[in-house]
Amino acid sequence: MRIGDTLLVALQGDLDDTTVIRIEEQLTREVSHTAATGMLIDVSRLSVVDSFIARVLARIVAMVRLLGAHAAVVGIQPAVAITLVELGVPMGHLDTALNAEQGLALLDRLRRGDTGTE
């Protein structure tokens, strides 16, 4: 789905490794094709995020940045956050927000260069 110049991607269901790789390729191609300046990746409907999926999410964010857009992951469920921390999956470099509304505001700040760390 597209909201202005931002792509909104909702991941849901049980994602196997092959599907995640296909999503990665599709999303980077879509950013390039649409010249989007932002992408929200909504993971609120994922009850399980293993270390592989987490690494691919981080790669997607890095690829989107290389294509000149900002990306944020939104909707991480508490149980998923706990699991990722317990597994030691490095996610600190990702921009995250509680929900899509806050994610859109975050992307707007990132586009303006306002990191909010003053």
Protein backbone atom coordinates (compact mmCIF):
# COMPACT_ATOMS: atom_id res chain seq x y z
CA MET A 1 0.00 0.00 0.00
CA ARG A 2 1.18 3.52 -0.69
CA ILE A 3 0.56 6.58 1.50
CA GLY A 4 1.92 9.59 -0.35
CA ASP A 5 5.57 8.83 -1.00
CA THR A 6 5.70 6.13 1.68
CA LEU A 7 5.19 2.43 1.14
CA LEU A 8 3.37 0.57 3.91
CA VAL A 9 4.16 -3.12 4.08
CA ALA A 10 2.26 -5.41 6.46
CA LEU A 11 3.92 -8.74 7.13
CA GLN A 12 1.63 -11.43 8.49
CA GLY A 13 1.25 -15.13 8.97
CA ASP A 14 3.96 -17.72 9.26
CA LEU A 15 6.92 -16.59 7.19
CA ASP A 16 9.35 -19.23 6.05
CA ASP A 17 12.88 -18.40 4.91
CA THR A 18 12.05 -18.57 1.20
CA THR A 19 9.09 -16.21 1.58
CA VAL A 20 11.16 -13.72 3.57
CA ILE A 21 13.87 -13.64 0.88
CA ARG A 22 11.21 -13.13 -1.81
CA ILE A 23 9.68 -10.26 0.22
CA GLU A 24 13.14 -8.69 0.57
CA GLU A 25 13.65 -8.71 -3.19
CA GLN A 26 10.14 -7.45 -3.87
CA LEU A 27 10.37 -4.55 -1.41
CA THR A 28 13.70 -3.26 -2.67
CA ARG A 29 12.45 -3.48 -6.24
CA GLU A 30 9.28 -1.58 -5.28
CA VAL A 31 11.22 1.25 -3.59
CA SER A 32 13.33 1.65 -6.71
CA HIS A 33 10.35 1.42 -9.07
CA THR A 34 8.13 3.90 -7.20
CA ALA A 35 10.89 6.28 -6.03
CA ALA A 36 9.37 6.10 -2.56
CA THR A 37 11.15 8.15 0.09
CA GLY A 38 9.94 6.06 3.01
CA MET A 39 8.86 2.57 3.97
CA LEU A 40 6.99 1.35 7.02
CA ILE A 41 7.32 -2.35 7.72
CA ASP A 42 4.44 -3.37 9.98
CA VAL A 43 5.20 -6.58 11.87
CA SER A 44 2.27 -6.35 14.31
CA ARG A 45 0.64 -9.47 12.85
CA LEU A 46 3.73 -11.62 13.28
CA SER A 47 3.55 -13.66 16.44
CA VAL A 48 6.97 -15.16 15.83
CA VAL A 49 10.07 -13.42 14.55
CA ASP A 50 13.12 -15.67 14.62
CA SER A 51 16.71 -14.52 14.27
CA PHE A 52 16.71 -15.11 10.50
CA ILE A 53 13.61 -12.97 9.94
CA ALA A 54 15.07 -10.29 12.20
CA ARG A 55 18.33 -10.26 10.20
CA VAL A 56 16.39 -10.01 6.93
CA LEU A 57 14.35 -7.09 8.34
CA ALA A 58 17.62 -5.36 9.20
CA ARG A 59 18.93 -6.06 5.68
CA ILE A 60 15.75 -4.68 4.11
CA VAL A 61 16.12 -1.47 6.12
CA ALA A 62 19.78 -1.18 5.04
CA MET A 63 18.90 -1.80 1.38
CA VAL A 64 16.07 0.74 1.45
CA ARG A 65 18.50 3.30 2.90
CA LEU A 66 20.99 2.56 0.11
CA LEU A 67 18.18 3.25 -2.37
CA GLY A 68 17.73 6.71 -0.84
CA ALA A 69 14.67 6.12 1.31
CA HIS A 70 14.07 5.93 5.05
CA ALA A 71 12.60 2.84 6.66
CA ALA A 72 11.03 2.06 10.01
CA VAL A 73 9.77 -1.14 11.56
CA VAL A 74 6.48 -0.71 13.43
CA GLY A 75 4.22 -2.86 15.57
CA ILE A 76 6.74 -5.12 17.26
CA GLN A 77 4.76 -7.17 19.78
CA PRO A 78 6.07 -7.35 23.38
CA ALA A 79 6.70 -11.11 23.18
CA VAL A 80 8.64 -10.65 19.94
CA ALA A 81 10.73 -7.84 21.47
CA ILE A 82 11.53 -10.02 24.48
CA THR A 83 12.53 -12.93 22.25
CA LEU A 84 14.76 -10.78 20.04
CA VAL A 85 16.55 -9.35 23.06
CA GLU A 86 16.93 -12.78 24.66
CA LEU A 87 18.34 -14.18 21.40
CA GLY A 88 20.80 -11.29 21.27
CA VAL A 89 19.61 -10.17 17.84
CA PRO A 90 21.09 -6.71 17.21
CA MET A 91 18.17 -4.43 16.32
CA GLY A 92 19.34 -1.18 17.93
CA HIS A 93 20.29 0.40 14.61
CA LEU A 94 16.73 0.09 13.27
CA ASP A 95 14.27 2.93 13.50
CA THR A 96 11.17 1.58 15.22
CA ALA A 97 7.81 2.91 16.33
CA LEU A 98 4.87 1.53 18.27
CA ASN A 99 2.37 1.78 15.40
CA ALA A 100 1.91 3.05 11.84
CA GLU A 101 0.82 6.53 12.94
CA GLN A 102 3.95 7.01 15.04
CA GLY A 103 6.00 5.40 12.26
CA LEU A 104 4.78 7.95 9.72
CA ALA A 105 5.69 10.76 12.11
CA LEU A 106 9.13 9.18 12.60
CA LEU A 107 9.70 8.95 8.84
CA ASP A 108 8.69 12.60 8.49
CA ARG A 109 11.29 13.58 11.12
CA LEU A 110 13.94 11.43 9.42
CA ARG A 111 13.23 13.08 6.06
CA ARG A 112 13.71 16.50 7.67
CA GLY A 113 16.92 15.31 9.30
CA ASP A 114 15.49 15.68 12.80
CA THR A 115 16.80 12.71 14.80
CA GLY A 116 15.19 13.92 18.01
CA THR A 117 18.44 13.45 19.95
CA GLU A 118 19.02 17.07 20.91
